[in-house]
Amino acid sequence: MSVQSKKSFAAIDYQRCDPKTCAPDTGLCPAVSACTHKVIKQLDGVFESPMIFQDMCMGCWDCIAACPLNAIVVKHVGT
């Protein structure tokens, strides 16, 4: 029996991501609060780009819908 690895997860395009632009008043990334699975976090604080714990991503894509800068995309790996 073999374990199959995850094939799709959310990933951040850090060239587009800028909480200073999408949330200038609070610096809180809207995708962080949209993630009901709590796998995307602003670890370095407000006004900093978030990171996604990709190995825990459930593939609900709520973060993608919540990102006003279209900086979160679906990443596919493997064949």
Protein backbone atom coordinates (compact mmCIF):
# COMPACT_ATOMS: atom_id res chain seq x y z
CA MET A 1 0.00 0.00 0.00
CA SER A 2 1.39 3.41 -0.94
CA VAL A 3 0.44 6.85 0.30
CA GLN A 4 -0.58 9.26 -2.43
CA SER A 5 0.66 12.82 -2.05
CA LYS A 6 -1.60 15.82 -2.38
CA LYS A 7 -1.89 17.07 -5.95
CA SER A 8 -3.38 20.57 -5.48
CA PHE A 9 -3.06 23.29 -2.88
CA ALA A 10 -3.26 27.06 -2.57
CA ALA A 11 -0.08 29.07 -3.14
CA ILE A 12 0.71 32.77 -2.80
CA ASP A 13 2.20 34.83 -5.61
CA TYR A 14 4.38 37.12 -3.49
CA GLN A 15 4.91 39.48 -6.42
CA ARG A 16 1.20 40.36 -6.25
CA CYS A 17 0.55 39.98 -2.51
CA ASP A 18 0.59 43.27 -0.59
CA PRO A 19 -1.57 43.66 2.54
CA LYS A 20 -0.67 47.36 2.57
CA THR A 21 -2.64 47.69 -0.68
CA CYS A 22 -5.59 45.36 -0.11
CA ALA A 23 -6.16 46.33 3.54
CA PRO A 24 -4.54 49.77 4.04
CA ASP A 25 -6.42 50.50 7.29
CA THR A 26 -5.76 47.25 9.16
CA GLY A 27 -3.04 45.38 7.27
CA LEU A 28 -5.00 42.19 7.84
CA CYS A 29 -5.07 39.88 4.83
CA PRO A 30 -8.71 39.10 3.94
CA ALA A 31 -7.71 35.61 2.82
CA VAL A 32 -6.50 34.78 6.34
CA SER A 33 -9.91 35.39 7.86
CA ALA A 34 -11.63 33.60 4.97
CA CYS A 35 -9.73 30.36 5.61
CA THR A 36 -12.03 28.29 7.83
CA HIS A 37 -9.32 25.63 8.14
CA LYS A 38 -6.85 28.19 9.58
CA VAL A 39 -3.97 27.14 7.31
CA ILE A 40 -3.09 30.63 6.07
CA LYS A 41 -1.55 33.02 8.61
CA GLN A 42 0.28 36.33 8.82
CA LEU A 43 3.12 35.02 10.98
CA ASP A 44 5.26 38.15 10.71
CA GLY A 45 2.40 40.43 11.76
CA VAL A 46 -0.07 42.80 10.18
CA PHE A 47 0.89 44.52 6.94
CA GLU A 48 3.08 41.49 6.11
CA SER A 49 2.33 38.85 3.50
CA PRO A 50 0.72 35.67 4.79
CA MET A 51 1.95 32.14 4.32
CA ILE A 52 -0.02 29.00 3.59
CA PHE A 53 0.69 25.72 5.33
CA GLN A 54 0.37 23.86 2.05
CA ASP A 55 0.56 20.38 3.52
CA MET A 56 -2.59 21.17 5.52
CA CYS A 57 -4.50 22.96 2.74
CA MET A 58 -7.91 21.33 2.28
CA GLY A 59 -8.49 22.71 -1.22
CA CYS A 60 -11.65 24.68 -0.38
CA TRP A 61 -10.24 27.72 -2.26
CA ASP A 62 -12.00 30.21 0.06
CA CYS A 63 -8.72 32.13 0.33
CA ILE A 64 -8.56 32.49 -3.45
CA ALA A 65 -12.05 33.98 -3.56
CA ALA A 66 -11.22 36.36 -0.69
CA CYS A 67 -7.96 37.75 -2.10
CA PRO A 68 -8.69 41.13 -3.77
CA LEU A 69 -5.30 41.16 -5.54
CA ASN A 70 -5.65 37.67 -7.09
CA ALA A 71 -2.39 36.77 -5.38
CA ILE A 72 -3.48 33.27 -4.32
CA VAL A 73 -3.63 30.56 -6.94
CA VAL A 74 -4.13 26.81 -7.16
CA LYS A 75 -0.83 25.01 -7.50
CA HIS A 76 -0.84 21.56 -9.09
CA VAL A 77 2.01 19.10 -8.60
CA GLY A 78 2.72 15.70 -10.09
CA THR A 79 0.94 14.11 -12.98
